[in-house]
């Protein structure tokens, strides 16, 4: 499936990323990291994403793009299956959803979320999970409007050495 939402006239669409889209995805990922006050993406992100999205018999990551009429990519969402031990099944974890600042408030976020949900359903999954920083009140309002349920947890990261 190339397009999850077909462009109708002047309507935006959501589609799966291609290798040719990787420079724009990396650019948006850098903007996303800056927005979330995080370290910038790794220098070889393009190659790493290519491996996760396109190489091998079963790609580990899905990247969906919000595309404006005329072809400009305004945002992205990435997701991957994750196992829930408590439920004994996979769910779709949305790792990122980001829209360039000048393209917010146009309904593109809802289109991306619809596409992520469609991806979960296509894989036989009944749940999508994600997280957002506690300070990101705009995102929290958006997810609440969509019917998302907030789960209070503290996220940890533990760097390990090889």
N, C-alpha and C. Protein backbone atom coordinates (compact mmCIF):
# COMPACT_ATOMS: atom_id res chain seq x y z
N UNK A 1 0.86 -1.17 0.00
CA UNK A 1 0.00 0.00 0.00
C UNK A 1 0.90 1.23 0.00
N UNK A 2 0.87 2.03 -1.05
CA UNK A 2 1.70 3.22 -1.13
C UNK A 2 1.08 4.40 -0.39
N UNK A 3 -0.18 4.61 -0.57
CA UNK A 3 -0.83 5.75 0.04
C UNK A 3 -1.86 5.27 1.04
N UNK A 4 -1.80 5.80 2.24
CA UNK A 4 -2.78 5.45 3.26
C UNK A 4 -4.00 6.34 3.14
N UNK A 5 -3.81 7.53 2.67
CA UNK A 5 -4.89 8.46 2.38
C UNK A 5 -4.57 9.06 1.02
N UNK A 6 -5.44 8.89 0.06
CA UNK A 6 -5.18 9.43 -1.27
C UNK A 6 -5.41 10.94 -1.27
N UNK A 7 -4.55 11.64 -1.96
CA UNK A 7 -4.74 13.08 -2.12
C UNK A 7 -5.94 13.31 -3.02
N UNK A 8 -6.84 14.15 -2.57
CA UNK A 8 -8.02 14.50 -3.35
C UNK A 8 -7.92 15.99 -3.61
N UNK A 9 -7.70 16.34 -4.88
CA UNK A 9 -7.58 17.76 -5.22
C UNK A 9 -6.43 18.39 -4.47
N UNK A 10 -6.78 19.32 -3.60
CA UNK A 10 -5.77 20.05 -2.84
C UNK A 10 -5.58 19.49 -1.44
N UNK A 11 -6.02 18.29 -1.20
CA UNK A 11 -5.94 17.71 0.14
C UNK A 11 -4.57 17.09 0.39
N UNK A 12 -4.08 17.20 1.62
CA UNK A 12 -2.85 16.50 1.96
C UNK A 12 -3.09 15.00 2.01
N UNK A 13 -2.00 14.24 2.03
CA UNK A 13 -2.12 12.79 2.13
C UNK A 13 -1.06 12.26 3.07
N UNK A 14 -1.23 11.02 3.49
CA UNK A 14 -0.23 10.32 4.28
C UNK A 14 0.20 9.11 3.46
N UNK A 15 1.52 8.90 3.41
CA UNK A 15 2.06 7.78 2.65
C UNK A 15 3.26 7.22 3.38
N UNK A 16 3.65 6.01 2.99
CA UNK A 16 4.87 5.41 3.53
C UNK A 16 6.09 6.11 2.95
N UNK A 17 7.12 6.26 3.75
CA UNK A 17 8.37 6.86 3.29
C UNK A 17 9.07 5.93 2.31
N UNK A 18 9.85 6.52 1.43
CA UNK A 18 10.72 5.79 0.52
C UNK A 18 12.17 6.18 0.86
N UNK A 19 13.11 5.47 0.26
CA UNK A 19 14.52 5.83 0.47
C UNK A 19 14.79 7.29 0.09
N UNK A 20 14.14 7.74 -0.95
CA UNK A 20 14.36 9.12 -1.41
C UNK A 20 13.90 10.15 -0.38
N UNK A 21 13.02 9.76 0.53
CA UNK A 21 12.51 10.67 1.56
C UNK A 21 13.43 10.80 2.76
N UNK A 22 14.43 9.93 2.87
CA UNK A 22 15.24 9.91 4.09
C UNK A 22 15.90 11.24 4.45
N UNK A 23 16.44 12.01 3.50
CA UNK A 23 17.01 13.30 3.90
C UNK A 23 15.98 14.21 4.59
N UNK A 24 14.75 14.22 4.10
CA UNK A 24 13.72 15.05 4.73
C UNK A 24 13.31 14.49 6.09
N UNK A 25 13.25 13.18 6.21
CA UNK A 25 12.91 12.56 7.50
C UNK A 25 13.98 12.91 8.53
N UNK A 26 15.24 12.83 8.13
CA UNK A 26 16.34 13.17 9.04
C UNK A 26 16.27 14.64 9.44
N UNK A 27 15.95 15.51 8.49
CA UNK A 27 15.79 16.93 8.78
C UNK A 27 14.67 17.15 9.80
N UNK A 28 13.53 16.49 9.59
CA UNK A 28 12.41 16.61 10.53
C UNK A 28 12.77 16.01 11.89
N UNK A 29 13.51 14.90 11.90
CA UNK A 29 13.93 14.29 13.16
C UNK A 29 14.82 15.25 13.96
N UNK A 30 15.69 15.99 13.27
CA UNK A 30 16.54 16.97 13.94
C UNK A 30 15.68 18.09 14.53
N UNK A 31 14.69 18.55 13.79
CA UNK A 31 13.77 19.58 14.32
C UNK A 31 13.01 19.04 15.52
N UNK A 32 12.59 17.79 15.43
CA UNK A 32 11.85 17.14 16.51
C UNK A 32 12.70 17.07 17.78
N UNK A 33 13.94 16.62 17.63
CA UNK A 33 14.85 16.54 18.78
C UNK A 33 15.05 17.91 19.41
N UNK A 34 15.25 18.92 18.58
CA UNK A 34 15.42 20.28 19.10
C UNK A 34 14.17 20.74 19.85
N UNK A 35 13.00 20.48 19.27
CA UNK A 35 11.73 20.85 19.90
C UNK A 35 11.57 20.18 21.27
N UNK A 36 11.99 18.92 21.37
CA UNK A 36 11.85 18.19 22.62
C UNK A 36 13.05 18.38 23.55
N UNK A 37 13.93 19.31 23.20
CA UNK A 37 15.07 19.66 24.04
C UNK A 37 15.99 18.46 24.26
N UNK A 38 16.15 17.66 23.23
CA UNK A 38 16.96 16.45 23.28
C UNK A 38 18.25 16.66 22.49
N UNK A 39 19.15 15.72 22.63
CA UNK A 39 20.38 15.75 21.84
C UNK A 39 20.01 15.58 20.37
N UNK A 40 20.81 16.14 19.47
CA UNK A 40 20.52 15.96 18.04
C UNK A 40 20.68 14.50 17.63
N UNK A 41 20.02 14.13 16.53
CA UNK A 41 20.17 12.74 16.04
C UNK A 41 21.62 12.41 15.73
N UNK A 42 21.91 11.12 15.69
CA UNK A 42 23.26 10.66 15.37
C UNK A 42 23.63 11.05 13.94
N UNK A 43 24.93 11.19 13.71
CA UNK A 43 25.41 11.66 12.40
C UNK A 43 25.03 10.73 11.26
N UNK A 44 24.98 9.43 11.52
CA UNK A 44 24.67 8.47 10.45
C UNK A 44 23.20 8.02 10.48
N UNK A 45 22.31 8.91 10.88
CA UNK A 45 20.90 8.55 11.00
C UNK A 45 20.31 8.09 9.67
N UNK A 46 20.68 8.69 8.57
CA UNK A 46 20.14 8.29 7.28
C UNK A 46 20.40 6.80 7.02
N UNK A 47 21.63 6.36 7.22
CA UNK A 47 21.97 4.96 7.02
C UNK A 47 21.27 4.04 8.00
N UNK A 48 21.19 4.46 9.24
CA UNK A 48 20.51 3.64 10.24
C UNK A 48 19.03 3.47 9.91
N UNK A 49 18.39 4.58 9.53
CA UNK A 49 16.97 4.49 9.18
C UNK A 49 16.76 3.64 7.94
N UNK A 50 17.65 3.77 6.98
CA UNK A 50 17.53 2.94 5.77
C UNK A 50 17.54 1.46 6.14
N UNK A 51 18.42 1.09 7.04
CA UNK A 51 18.49 -0.30 7.48
C UNK A 51 17.22 -0.75 8.19
N UNK A 52 16.67 0.11 9.03
CA UNK A 52 15.46 -0.24 9.79
C UNK A 52 14.20 -0.26 8.93
N UNK A 53 14.17 0.62 7.93
CA UNK A 53 12.95 0.78 7.12
C UNK A 53 12.92 -0.10 5.88
N UNK A 54 14.07 -0.34 5.28
CA UNK A 54 14.06 -0.92 3.94
C UNK A 54 14.90 -2.18 3.76
N UNK A 55 15.86 -2.42 4.62
CA UNK A 55 16.77 -3.53 4.42
C UNK A 55 16.31 -4.75 5.21
N UNK A 56 16.56 -5.88 4.67
CA UNK A 56 16.19 -7.12 5.33
C UNK A 56 14.79 -7.57 4.94
N UNK A 57 14.49 -8.82 5.23
CA UNK A 57 13.20 -9.39 4.83
C UNK A 57 12.01 -8.81 5.60
N UNK A 58 12.24 -8.38 6.83
CA UNK A 58 11.15 -7.84 7.65
C UNK A 58 11.60 -6.52 8.28
N UNK A 59 11.34 -5.39 7.62
CA UNK A 59 11.74 -4.10 8.20
C UNK A 59 11.18 -3.94 9.61
N UNK A 60 11.98 -3.35 10.49
CA UNK A 60 11.61 -3.21 11.89
C UNK A 60 10.83 -1.94 12.18
N UNK A 61 10.87 -0.98 11.28
CA UNK A 61 10.28 0.33 11.53
C UNK A 61 9.39 0.72 10.36
N UNK A 62 8.33 1.45 10.67
CA UNK A 62 7.44 2.03 9.66
C UNK A 62 7.55 3.54 9.80
N UNK A 63 7.69 4.24 8.67
CA UNK A 63 7.72 5.70 8.67
C UNK A 63 6.62 6.19 7.74
N UNK A 64 5.71 6.97 8.30
CA UNK A 64 4.59 7.54 7.57
C UNK A 64 4.82 9.04 7.42
N UNK A 65 4.54 9.57 6.24
CA UNK A 65 4.79 10.97 5.96
C UNK A 65 3.51 11.72 5.67
N UNK A 66 3.38 12.90 6.24
CA UNK A 66 2.29 13.82 5.90
C UNK A 66 2.81 14.69 4.77
N UNK A 67 2.16 14.56 3.61
CA UNK A 67 2.60 15.26 2.41
C UNK A 67 1.54 16.25 1.96
N UNK A 68 1.98 17.46 1.70
CA UNK A 68 1.08 18.51 1.23
C UNK A 68 0.89 18.39 -0.28
N UNK A 69 -0.20 18.96 -0.80
CA UNK A 69 -0.33 19.01 -2.26
C UNK A 69 0.93 19.67 -2.84
N UNK A 70 1.44 19.12 -3.90
CA UNK A 70 2.69 19.62 -4.46
C UNK A 70 3.89 18.81 -4.01
N UNK A 71 3.70 17.92 -3.02
CA UNK A 71 4.75 17.00 -2.64
C UNK A 71 5.61 17.34 -1.45
N UNK A 72 5.43 18.51 -0.80
CA UNK A 72 6.26 18.85 0.35
C UNK A 72 5.88 17.99 1.55
N UNK A 73 6.88 17.37 2.18
CA UNK A 73 6.66 16.56 3.38
C UNK A 73 6.69 17.49 4.58
N UNK A 74 5.55 17.54 5.30
CA UNK A 74 5.38 18.47 6.40
C UNK A 74 5.56 17.82 7.77
N UNK A 75 5.57 16.48 7.81
CA UNK A 75 5.70 15.82 9.09
C UNK A 75 5.81 14.32 8.92
N UNK A 76 6.04 13.65 10.04
CA UNK A 76 6.22 12.20 9.98
C UNK A 76 5.74 11.56 11.27
N UNK A 77 5.48 10.28 11.18
CA UNK A 77 5.26 9.43 12.34
C UNK A 77 6.02 8.14 12.10
N UNK A 78 6.65 7.61 13.14
CA UNK A 78 7.31 6.32 13.04
C UNK A 78 6.73 5.39 14.09
N UNK A 79 6.67 4.13 13.75
CA UNK A 79 6.11 3.15 14.68
C UNK A 79 6.71 1.78 14.43
N UNK A 80 6.61 0.93 15.44
CA UNK A 80 7.16 -0.42 15.36
C UNK A 80 6.39 -1.32 16.34
N UNK A 81 6.27 -2.59 16.02
CA UNK A 81 5.62 -3.53 16.94
C UNK A 81 6.46 -3.74 18.21
N UNK A 82 5.77 -3.87 19.31
CA UNK A 82 6.39 -4.14 20.60
C UNK A 82 5.54 -5.18 21.32
N UNK A 83 6.18 -6.05 22.07
CA UNK A 83 5.48 -7.11 22.79
C UNK A 83 5.04 -6.61 24.16
N UNK A 84 3.80 -6.87 24.52
CA UNK A 84 3.28 -6.63 25.85
C UNK A 84 3.25 -7.95 26.60
N UNK A 85 4.09 -8.08 27.60
CA UNK A 85 4.12 -9.31 28.39
C UNK A 85 2.79 -9.52 29.09
N UNK A 86 2.23 -8.47 29.68
CA UNK A 86 0.99 -8.60 30.45
C UNK A 86 -0.18 -9.05 29.58
N UNK A 87 -0.19 -8.60 28.31
CA UNK A 87 -1.29 -8.97 27.42
C UNK A 87 -0.94 -10.17 26.54
N UNK A 88 0.33 -10.55 26.49
CA UNK A 88 0.75 -11.67 25.66
C UNK A 88 0.50 -11.42 24.18
N UNK A 89 0.70 -10.19 23.73
CA UNK A 89 0.47 -9.84 22.33
C UNK A 89 1.29 -8.61 21.97
N UNK A 90 1.39 -8.37 20.68
CA UNK A 90 2.07 -7.16 20.20
C UNK A 90 1.10 -5.99 20.18
N UNK A 91 1.64 -4.81 20.35
CA UNK A 91 0.93 -3.56 20.09
C UNK A 91 1.85 -2.72 19.22
N UNK A 92 1.32 -1.66 18.64
CA UNK A 92 2.14 -0.77 17.82
C UNK A 92 2.59 0.40 18.67
N UNK A 93 3.89 0.55 18.81
CA UNK A 93 4.45 1.69 19.55
C UNK A 93 4.77 2.80 18.56
N UNK A 94 4.15 3.95 18.75
CA UNK A 94 4.47 5.12 17.93
C UNK A 94 5.62 5.84 18.62
N UNK A 95 6.78 5.80 18.01
CA UNK A 95 7.96 6.41 18.60
C UNK A 95 7.96 7.92 18.39
N UNK A 96 7.58 8.36 17.22
CA UNK A 96 7.61 9.79 16.91
C UNK A 96 6.37 10.20 16.13
N UNK A 97 5.88 11.37 16.42
CA UNK A 97 4.92 12.08 15.58
C UNK A 97 5.33 13.53 15.65
N UNK A 98 5.66 14.10 14.51
CA UNK A 98 6.15 15.48 14.49
C UNK A 98 5.70 16.16 13.22
N UNK A 99 5.27 17.40 13.38
CA UNK A 99 4.93 18.26 12.24
C UNK A 99 5.80 19.50 12.31
N UNK A 100 6.32 19.91 11.16
CA UNK A 100 7.08 21.16 11.11
C UNK A 100 6.20 22.28 11.67
N UNK A 101 6.78 23.21 12.43
CA UNK A 101 5.99 24.24 13.11
C UNK A 101 5.02 25.01 12.21
N UNK A 102 5.40 25.27 10.98
CA UNK A 102 4.53 26.05 10.10
C UNK A 102 3.41 25.23 9.48
N UNK A 103 3.32 23.94 9.85
CA UNK A 103 2.26 23.09 9.30
C UNK A 103 1.38 22.48 10.38
N UNK A 104 1.43 23.04 11.58
CA UNK A 104 0.57 22.56 12.66
C UNK A 104 -0.79 23.23 12.58
N UNK A 105 -1.79 22.55 13.11
CA UNK A 105 -3.14 23.11 13.13
C UNK A 105 -3.88 22.95 11.82
N UNK A 106 -3.36 22.13 10.91
CA UNK A 106 -3.99 21.93 9.60
C UNK A 106 -4.68 20.58 9.46
N UNK A 107 -4.70 19.80 10.55
CA UNK A 107 -5.31 18.48 10.50
C UNK A 107 -4.35 17.38 10.11
N UNK A 108 -3.07 17.71 9.90
CA UNK A 108 -2.10 16.71 9.48
C UNK A 108 -1.78 15.71 10.59
N UNK A 109 -1.78 16.17 11.83
CA UNK A 109 -1.53 15.26 12.95
C UNK A 109 -2.60 14.18 13.03
N UNK A 110 -3.86 14.58 12.83
CA UNK A 110 -4.95 13.60 12.85
C UNK A 110 -4.81 12.61 11.69
N UNK A 111 -4.39 13.10 10.53
CA UNK A 111 -4.16 12.19 9.40
C UNK A 111 -3.06 11.18 9.72
N UNK A 112 -1.99 11.66 10.34
CA UNK A 112 -0.90 10.75 10.70
C UNK A 112 -1.38 9.73 11.74
N UNK A 113 -2.14 10.17 12.73
CA UNK A 113 -2.64 9.23 13.74
C UNK A 113 -3.57 8.21 13.11
N UNK A 114 -4.43 8.65 12.20
CA UNK A 114 -5.30 7.70 11.49
C UNK A 114 -4.47 6.66 10.75
N UNK A 115 -3.37 7.09 10.15
CA UNK A 115 -2.51 6.17 9.40
C UNK A 115 -1.80 5.20 10.33
N UNK A 116 -1.39 5.67 11.51
CA UNK A 116 -0.75 4.78 12.48
C UNK A 116 -1.77 3.73 12.95
N UNK A 117 -2.99 4.16 13.23
CA UNK A 117 -4.04 3.22 13.64
C UNK A 117 -4.31 2.21 12.52
N UNK A 118 -4.35 2.68 11.28
CA UNK A 118 -4.56 1.77 10.14
C UNK A 118 -3.42 0.76 10.04
N UNK A 119 -2.21 1.21 10.30
CA UNK A 119 -1.04 0.31 10.29
C UNK A 119 -1.21 -0.78 11.36
N UNK A 120 -1.64 -0.39 12.55
CA UNK A 120 -1.87 -1.37 13.62
C UNK A 120 -2.93 -2.38 13.20
N UNK A 121 -4.03 -1.89 12.66
CA UNK A 121 -5.11 -2.78 12.25
C UNK A 121 -4.66 -3.72 11.14
N UNK A 122 -3.87 -3.21 10.18
CA UNK A 122 -3.35 -4.05 9.10
C UNK A 122 -2.49 -5.18 9.63
N UNK A 123 -1.86 -4.96 10.79
CA UNK A 123 -0.99 -5.97 11.40
C UNK A 123 -1.74 -6.84 12.41
N UNK A 124 -3.05 -6.64 12.53
CA UNK A 124 -3.85 -7.42 13.47
C UNK A 124 -3.69 -6.99 14.91
N UNK A 125 -3.23 -5.77 15.13
CA UNK A 125 -3.02 -5.26 16.49
C UNK A 125 -4.22 -4.44 16.92
N UNK A 126 -4.48 -4.45 18.22
CA UNK A 126 -5.66 -3.76 18.73
C UNK A 126 -5.32 -2.54 19.59
N UNK A 127 -4.04 -2.16 19.61
CA UNK A 127 -3.67 -1.01 20.44
C UNK A 127 -2.45 -0.31 19.86
N UNK A 128 -2.43 1.01 20.03
CA UNK A 128 -1.27 1.85 19.73
C UNK A 128 -0.90 2.55 21.03
N UNK A 129 0.38 2.58 21.35
CA UNK A 129 0.86 3.31 22.53
C UNK A 129 1.93 4.29 22.09
N UNK A 130 2.09 5.37 22.86
CA UNK A 130 3.10 6.38 22.59
C UNK A 130 3.32 7.19 23.84
N UNK A 131 4.23 8.12 23.77
CA UNK A 131 4.50 9.01 24.90
C UNK A 131 4.78 10.40 24.37
N UNK A 132 4.65 11.35 25.25
CA UNK A 132 4.98 12.74 24.92
C UNK A 132 5.50 13.39 26.19
N UNK A 133 6.38 14.38 26.08
CA UNK A 133 6.88 15.02 27.29
C UNK A 133 5.73 15.66 28.09
N UNK A 134 5.84 15.61 29.41
CA UNK A 134 4.80 16.16 30.28
C UNK A 134 4.59 17.65 30.05
N UNK A 135 5.61 18.37 29.57
CA UNK A 135 5.49 19.81 29.35
C UNK A 135 4.82 20.14 28.01
N UNK A 136 4.63 19.16 27.14
CA UNK A 136 4.10 19.42 25.80
C UNK A 136 2.56 19.45 25.84
N UNK A 137 2.05 20.55 26.38
CA UNK A 137 0.61 20.68 26.60
C UNK A 137 -0.20 20.64 25.30
N UNK A 138 0.34 21.16 24.22
CA UNK A 138 -0.37 21.12 22.93
C UNK A 138 -0.56 19.68 22.46
N UNK A 139 0.48 18.88 22.58
CA UNK A 139 0.38 17.47 22.18
C UNK A 139 -0.59 16.73 23.09
N UNK A 140 -0.54 17.02 24.38
CA UNK A 140 -1.44 16.35 25.33
C UNK A 140 -2.90 16.68 24.98
N UNK A 141 -3.18 17.93 24.69
CA UNK A 141 -4.56 18.30 24.30
C UNK A 141 -4.95 17.58 23.01
N UNK A 142 -4.05 17.52 22.04
CA UNK A 142 -4.31 16.83 20.77
C UNK A 142 -4.63 15.35 21.02
N UNK A 143 -3.79 14.67 21.78
CA UNK A 143 -4.01 13.25 22.03
C UNK A 143 -5.28 13.01 22.84
N UNK A 144 -5.57 13.89 23.79
CA UNK A 144 -6.81 13.78 24.56
C UNK A 144 -8.03 13.91 23.64
N UNK A 145 -7.98 14.86 22.70
CA UNK A 145 -9.10 15.05 21.76
C UNK A 145 -9.31 13.80 20.90
N UNK A 146 -8.24 13.10 20.60
CA UNK A 146 -8.35 11.89 19.78
C UNK A 146 -8.90 10.70 20.58
N UNK A 147 -8.98 10.84 21.88
CA UNK A 147 -9.47 9.75 22.72
C UNK A 147 -8.36 8.93 23.35
N UNK A 148 -7.12 9.41 23.24
CA UNK A 148 -6.01 8.71 23.87
C UNK A 148 -6.14 8.75 25.38
N UNK A 149 -5.66 7.70 26.04
CA UNK A 149 -5.69 7.63 27.50
C UNK A 149 -4.27 7.80 28.02
N UNK A 150 -4.08 8.79 28.87
CA UNK A 150 -2.76 9.02 29.45
C UNK A 150 -2.48 7.96 30.51
N UNK A 151 -1.24 7.48 30.53
CA UNK A 151 -0.79 6.53 31.54
C UNK A 151 0.40 7.18 32.24
N UNK A 152 0.31 7.36 33.53
CA UNK A 152 1.37 8.02 34.27
C UNK A 152 2.49 7.03 34.60
N UNK A 153 3.64 7.26 34.02
CA UNK A 153 4.84 6.48 34.29
C UNK A 153 6.03 7.42 34.22
N UNK A 154 7.12 6.98 34.75
CA UNK A 154 8.38 7.71 34.62
C UNK A 154 9.24 6.90 33.67
N UNK A 155 9.73 7.53 32.64
CA UNK A 155 10.56 6.83 31.65
C UNK A 155 12.02 6.93 32.05
N UNK A 156 12.72 5.81 31.97
CA UNK A 156 14.14 5.76 32.29
C UNK A 156 14.93 5.40 31.05
N UNK A 157 16.19 5.76 31.05
CA UNK A 157 17.14 5.37 30.03
C UNK A 157 18.42 4.99 30.75
N UNK A 158 19.00 3.86 30.39
CA UNK A 158 20.23 3.40 31.00
C UNK A 158 21.25 3.11 29.91
N UNK A 159 22.20 4.01 29.70
CA UNK A 159 23.23 3.75 28.69
C UNK A 159 24.06 2.52 29.10
N UNK A 160 24.39 1.70 28.12
CA UNK A 160 25.23 0.53 28.37
C UNK A 160 26.42 0.57 27.43
N UNK A 161 27.50 0.01 27.86
CA UNK A 161 28.71 -0.03 27.04
C UNK A 161 28.85 -1.40 26.42
N UNK A 162 29.36 -1.41 25.20
CA UNK A 162 29.61 -2.69 24.51
C UNK A 162 31.01 -3.14 24.74
